[in-house]
Amino acid sequence: MSNNKRIVGIIIACMLSMPVMADVTVSDPKGDDNGHGAVVYPTGKEYKRGSFDLTGLKIQESGSDVIITATFASKVLDPWKSKEWGGNGFSLQFVQLYINSDPSGGHEKTLPGINGVFGKEDAWDKVVLLSPQGRSRLKSEVNTKATSVKADVIIPRTTKARGKTIRAVVSKEDLGPTPMAQWGIQALVQSNEGYPAPEDLLTRKVNEMQGEHRFGGGNDWECDAHVIDMIAGKGTGDATEVASQHAALKDFCGPDGMRDKSEGKRSVLPMVYPGKQ
């Protein structure tokens, strides 16, 4: 065998042994954009029904990039058209995509403002921010409020809204070498907040009482998860997954309305493993 043929054979063998980055697609039921079951939208006209109702998520390889597409029940709008927020074509939604790519470790607490944790077996390794905010604002918030995990927070190169979707492009290298088909994923839908609480990373709280720019149905003592929608069950979009979401997002408030210290935990959020179904 000539040297050229031997080299070609080695290259082909290496290519065949490389992990395949198979596309990942999950679905979520319509009409479950109510968090733990009682969350209601703000009264402001900007918050149209279905704006935070995640119906699908797709993660696909594209050369050296990975494209993440989140689909909602209604058109993704940009009512405030703030150039300060990056001009990404949307104003309301903020999706945090948590990825478990390495079963040997990871982070259990969510980013500040969500008020949730992942179980030890579902600990996340990377989180991608699908936000209307500009990259400089996102970097500043992460550096200030998520210092201990900032190396694992990924800000997409581009994030754009089109129709009912928000599409983000990130480097495959930033996500790590593990094939996507083996990932555990969780997409938490929040509301973008340009003026967040000092400890929160651009998230809008779910308050007890509804207001013009306030979600209602939560608890003002910070003992509930500030999540409007998420992937639940097996990520197939089956109607039974609504109950799974409500159960995962239940709060741990004590009888006096404050956090029950004896519980010692927040809402435990699950990862979904599409490749293991």
Protein backbone atom coordinates (compact mmCIF):
# COMPACT_ATOMS: atom_id res chain seq x y z
CA MET A 1 0.00 0.00 0.00
CA SER A 2 1.38 3.43 -0.96
CA ASN A 3 1.95 6.07 1.68
CA ASN A 4 -0.84 8.22 0.21
CA LYS A 5 -3.35 5.37 0.45
CA ARG A 6 -2.23 4.63 4.01
CA ILE A 7 -2.73 8.27 5.00
CA VAL A 8 -6.17 8.37 3.40
CA GLY A 9 -7.11 5.18 5.25
CA ILE A 10 -6.04 6.63 8.57
CA ILE A 11 -8.05 9.81 7.94
CA ILE A 12 -11.18 7.83 7.03
CA ALA A 13 -10.79 5.63 10.12
CA CYS A 14 -10.47 8.70 12.34
CA MET A 15 -13.53 10.27 10.75
CA LEU A 16 -15.57 7.14 11.33
CA SER A 17 -14.51 6.98 14.97
CA MET A 18 -15.48 10.59 15.66
CA PRO A 19 -18.74 11.09 17.61
CA VAL A 20 -21.76 11.98 15.52
CA MET A 21 -23.42 15.28 16.47
CA ALA A 22 -26.95 14.14 15.71
CA ASP A 23 -29.65 16.83 15.69
CA VAL A 24 -31.87 17.02 18.76
CA THR A 25 -35.56 17.92 18.56
CA VAL A 26 -38.07 18.06 21.41
CA SER A 27 -41.67 19.24 21.68
CA ASP A 28 -43.69 20.82 24.46
CA PRO A 29 -47.48 20.98 24.90
CA LYS A 30 -49.35 24.18 24.05
CA GLY A 31 -51.10 26.07 26.81
CA ASP A 32 -48.72 25.23 29.66
CA ASP A 33 -47.18 28.71 29.91
CA ASN A 34 -48.37 28.99 33.51
CA GLY A 35 -45.31 27.77 35.42
CA HIS A 36 -46.40 25.61 38.34
CA GLY A 37 -50.00 25.87 37.19
CA ALA A 38 -51.13 29.20 38.62
CA VAL A 39 -48.77 31.72 36.98
CA VAL A 40 -50.57 34.44 34.98
CA TYR A 41 -49.26 36.94 32.44
CA PRO A 42 -48.80 40.65 33.22
CA THR A 43 -51.73 42.86 32.26
CA GLY A 44 -49.70 45.01 29.84
CA LYS A 45 -50.78 44.77 26.20
CA GLU A 46 -47.24 43.77 25.20
CA TYR A 47 -47.60 40.37 26.87
CA LYS A 48 -49.77 38.57 24.35
CA ARG A 49 -51.11 35.11 25.07
CA GLY A 50 -48.69 32.42 23.91
CA SER A 51 -45.65 34.71 23.97
CA PHE A 52 -43.94 32.50 26.57
CA ASP A 53 -45.49 29.20 25.51
CA LEU A 54 -42.60 27.08 24.28
CA THR A 55 -43.77 24.44 21.79
CA GLY A 56 -40.50 23.10 20.45
CA LEU A 57 -36.72 23.20 20.60
CA LYS A 58 -34.22 22.10 17.96
CA ILE A 59 -30.44 21.85 18.27
CA GLN A 60 -28.61 21.15 15.02
CA GLU A 61 -25.04 20.99 13.80
CA SER A 62 -23.96 23.36 11.03
CA GLY A 63 -20.28 23.04 10.20
CA SER A 64 -18.30 24.37 13.15
CA ASP A 65 -21.46 25.87 14.66
CA VAL A 66 -24.54 24.67 16.49
CA ILE A 67 -27.88 26.32 15.75
CA ILE A 68 -30.48 26.46 18.53
CA THR A 69 -34.08 27.24 17.58
CA ALA A 70 -36.82 27.78 20.16
CA THR A 71 -40.40 27.86 18.84
CA PHE A 72 -43.34 29.50 20.60
CA ALA A 73 -47.13 29.31 20.29
CA SER A 74 -47.43 32.88 19.02
CA LYS A 75 -45.30 35.26 16.98
CA VAL A 76 -42.21 36.55 18.75
CA LEU A 77 -42.59 40.34 18.90
CA ASP A 78 -40.41 43.34 19.66
CA PRO A 79 -42.85 45.81 21.27
CA TRP A 80 -40.17 47.96 22.89
CA LYS A 81 -37.67 47.94 19.97
CA SER A 82 -34.83 48.91 22.25
CA LYS A 83 -31.48 49.32 20.48
CA GLU A 84 -29.90 49.07 23.91
CA TRP A 85 -31.05 45.47 23.99
CA GLY A 86 -29.08 44.47 20.92
CA GLY A 87 -31.70 44.89 18.19
CA ASN A 88 -32.30 41.14 18.07
CA GLY A 89 -35.92 41.48 16.95
CA PHE A 90 -37.60 40.59 20.26
CA SER A 91 -38.06 42.17 23.68
CA LEU A 92 -40.02 39.86 25.95
CA GLN A 93 -38.61 36.35 26.11
CA PHE A 94 -35.45 35.09 27.79
CA VAL A 95 -34.63 31.39 27.35
CA GLN A 96 -31.91 29.66 29.34
CA LEU A 97 -30.87 26.37 27.71
CA TYR A 98 -29.15 24.12 30.25
CA ILE A 99 -27.07 21.22 28.92
CA ASN A 100 -25.83 18.14 30.75
CA SER A 101 -23.05 16.80 28.53
CA ASP A 102 -20.86 15.14 31.16
CA PRO A 103 -22.49 12.80 33.71
CA SER A 104 -19.44 12.97 35.97
CA GLY A 105 -20.13 16.44 37.37
CA GLY A 106 -21.59 19.89 36.78
CA HIS A 107 -23.56 22.66 38.49
CA GLU A 108 -26.79 22.06 40.38
CA LYS A 109 -28.00 25.63 40.99
CA THR A 110 -29.64 27.55 38.17
CA LEU A 111 -28.44 31.03 37.23
CA PRO A 112 -29.48 33.78 39.68
CA GLY A 113 -33.14 34.74 39.41
CA ILE A 114 -34.61 31.37 38.44
CA ASN A 115 -34.81 29.95 41.99
CA GLY A 116 -34.36 26.32 41.02
CA VAL A 117 -31.85 23.48 41.20
CA PHE A 118 -31.07 20.39 39.17
CA GLY A 119 -30.59 17.00 40.79
CA LYS A 120 -27.02 15.74 41.13
CA GLU A 121 -27.50 13.31 38.24
CA ASP A 122 -28.87 16.14 36.08
CA ALA A 123 -26.25 18.78 36.94
CA TRP A 124 -25.57 21.11 34.03
CA ASP A 125 -22.25 21.70 32.28
CA LYS A 126 -23.17 24.55 29.94
CA VAL A 127 -26.00 27.06 29.73
CA VAL A 128 -26.79 29.07 26.59
CA LEU A 129 -28.53 32.44 26.93
CA LEU A 130 -31.15 33.25 24.27
CA SER A 131 -31.73 36.87 25.17
CA PRO A 132 -32.75 40.13 23.48
CA GLN A 133 -29.98 41.87 25.40
CA GLY A 134 -26.74 42.83 23.65
CA ARG A 135 -23.57 40.81 24.17
CA SER A 136 -21.85 43.49 26.27
CA ARG A 137 -24.79 43.66 28.71
CA LEU A 138 -24.95 39.89 28.96
CA LYS A 139 -21.21 39.61 29.62
CA SER A 140 -21.42 42.28 32.30
CA GLU A 141 -24.33 40.54 34.04
CA VAL A 142 -22.64 37.14 33.92
CA ASN A 143 -19.31 38.50 35.17
CA THR A 144 -21.05 40.28 38.04
CA LYS A 145 -23.79 37.85 39.08
CA ALA A 146 -22.64 34.40 37.95
CA THR A 147 -18.93 34.65 38.71
CA SER A 148 -18.48 31.07 39.91
CA VAL A 149 -19.93 29.54 36.72
CA LYS A 150 -19.16 32.21 34.12
CA ALA A 151 -16.80 29.90 32.21
CA ASP A 152 -19.78 27.65 31.46
CA VAL A 153 -22.24 30.40 30.44
CA ILE A 154 -22.39 30.72 26.67
CA ILE A 155 -23.46 33.91 24.93
CA PRO A 156 -24.39 33.13 21.31
CA ARG A 157 -22.55 34.82 18.47
CA THR A 158 -25.92 35.85 17.06
CA THR A 159 -29.49 35.70 18.38
CA LYS A 160 -32.44 36.65 16.16
CA ALA A 161 -36.22 36.33 16.19
CA ARG A 162 -38.23 35.38 13.14
CA GLY A 163 -41.91 34.48 13.07
CA LYS A 164 -42.58 32.25 16.06
CA THR A 165 -38.92 31.39 16.62
CA ILE A 166 -35.80 32.62 18.37
CA ARG A 167 -32.64 31.35 16.68
CA ALA A 168 -29.18 31.43 18.23
CA VAL A 169 -25.81 30.42 16.76
CA VAL A 170 -22.99 29.21 19.00
CA SER A 171 -19.62 27.62 18.38
CA LYS A 172 -19.57 23.84 18.60
CA GLU A 173 -16.25 24.15 20.39
CA ASP A 174 -17.86 26.18 23.18
CA LEU A 175 -20.37 23.41 23.88
CA GLY A 176 -17.82 20.63 24.18
CA PRO A 177 -17.14 17.43 22.22
CA THR A 178 -19.93 15.21 23.54
CA PRO A 179 -22.43 14.20 20.81
CA MET A 180 -25.68 16.14 21.11
CA ALA A 181 -27.72 12.92 21.00
CA GLN A 182 -26.33 12.04 24.44
CA TRP A 183 -27.07 15.38 26.04
CA GLY A 184 -29.57 16.09 28.74
CA ILE A 185 -31.28 19.41 28.01
CA GLN A 186 -33.68 21.79 29.71
CA ALA A 187 -35.02 25.06 28.27
CA LEU A 188 -36.37 27.40 30.93
CA VAL A 189 -38.56 30.20 29.58
CA GLN A 190 -38.34 33.42 31.53
CA SER A 191 -39.17 37.05 30.78
CA ASN A 192 -36.43 39.49 29.89
CA GLU A 193 -36.04 42.18 32.54
CA GLY A 194 -33.98 45.24 31.63
CA TYR A 195 -33.98 46.49 35.22
CA PRO A 196 -33.61 43.32 37.32
CA ALA A 197 -33.19 43.00 41.05
CA PRO A 198 -29.53 43.40 42.07
CA GLU A 199 -29.09 39.65 42.56
CA ASP A 200 -31.02 38.48 39.45
CA LEU A 201 -29.49 37.88 36.03
CA LEU A 202 -31.92 39.78 33.77
CA THR A 203 -34.93 37.74 34.90
CA ARG A 204 -38.40 39.08 35.65
CA LYS A 205 -39.81 37.81 38.91
CA VAL A 206 -43.04 35.86 39.25
CA ASN A 207 -44.80 37.88 41.92
CA GLU A 208 -47.81 37.05 44.04
CA MET A 209 -49.95 39.77 42.49
CA GLN A 210 -50.27 40.42 38.77
CA GLY A 211 -49.45 43.88 37.40
CA GLU A 212 -48.80 45.72 34.14
CA HIS A 213 -45.29 44.30 33.94
CA ARG A 214 -45.54 41.72 36.70
CA PHE A 215 -46.35 38.04 36.39
CA GLY A 216 -48.75 36.90 39.10
CA GLY A 217 -49.51 33.63 40.83
CA GLY A 218 -46.13 33.24 42.48
CA ASN A 219 -44.79 34.07 45.92
CA ASP A 220 -43.07 37.29 46.92
CA TRP A 221 -40.87 35.46 49.46
CA GLU A 222 -38.63 34.02 46.74
CA CYS A 223 -39.54 30.43 47.56
CA ASP A 224 -40.88 29.48 44.12
CA ALA A 225 -39.24 28.96 40.75
CA HIS A 226 -39.49 31.97 38.42
CA VAL A 227 -40.22 29.93 35.30
CA ILE A 228 -43.09 30.43 32.84
CA ASP A 229 -42.59 27.32 30.70
CA MET A 230 -40.12 24.46 30.36
CA ILE A 231 -39.62 21.06 28.74
CA ALA A 232 -41.08 18.23 30.80
CA GLY A 233 -41.54 14.48 30.71
CA LYS A 234 -39.82 13.02 27.68
CA GLY A 235 -40.11 16.14 25.56
CA THR A 236 -42.63 14.64 23.15
CA GLY A 237 -45.33 17.28 23.57
CA ASP A 238 -47.77 14.80 25.07
CA ALA A 239 -50.56 16.37 27.15
CA THR A 240 -49.42 14.43 30.24
CA GLU A 241 -46.24 16.50 30.29
CA VAL A 242 -48.21 19.49 31.56
CA ALA A 243 -48.69 17.76 34.91
CA SER A 244 -44.99 16.86 34.94
CA GLN A 245 -44.10 20.53 34.54
CA HIS A 246 -46.44 21.62 37.31
CA ALA A 247 -45.00 19.02 39.66
CA ALA A 248 -41.41 20.03 38.91
CA LEU A 249 -42.11 23.72 39.51
CA LYS A 250 -44.05 23.38 42.74
CA ASP A 251 -42.70 25.67 45.42
CA PHE A 252 -41.45 24.90 48.90
CA CYS A 253 -43.05 27.74 50.82
CA GLY A 254 -43.75 27.22 54.48
CA PRO A 255 -47.11 27.85 56.18
CA ASP A 256 -46.15 31.46 56.91
CA GLY A 257 -45.51 32.10 53.22
CA MET A 258 -41.76 32.18 53.60
CA ARG A 259 -39.38 29.42 52.61
CA ASP A 260 -39.69 26.39 54.80
CA LYS A 261 -36.12 26.10 56.10
CA SER A 262 -36.67 22.46 56.97
CA GLU A 263 -37.09 21.62 53.29
CA GLY A 264 -33.64 22.95 52.47
CA LYS A 265 -34.26 22.89 48.74
CA ARG A 266 -35.83 24.71 45.83
CA SER A 267 -37.90 23.33 42.96
CA VAL A 268 -35.91 20.44 41.49
CA LEU A 269 -35.80 20.76 37.70
CA PRO A 270 -35.39 17.74 35.44
CA MET A 271 -33.21 17.25 32.40
CA VAL A 272 -34.77 15.65 29.31
CA TYR A 273 -32.71 13.06 27.41
CA PRO A 274 -34.10 12.79 23.86
CA GLY A 275 -31.39 10.36 22.73
CA LYS A 276 -32.26 7.84 25.47
CA GLN A 277 -35.94 7.42 24.63
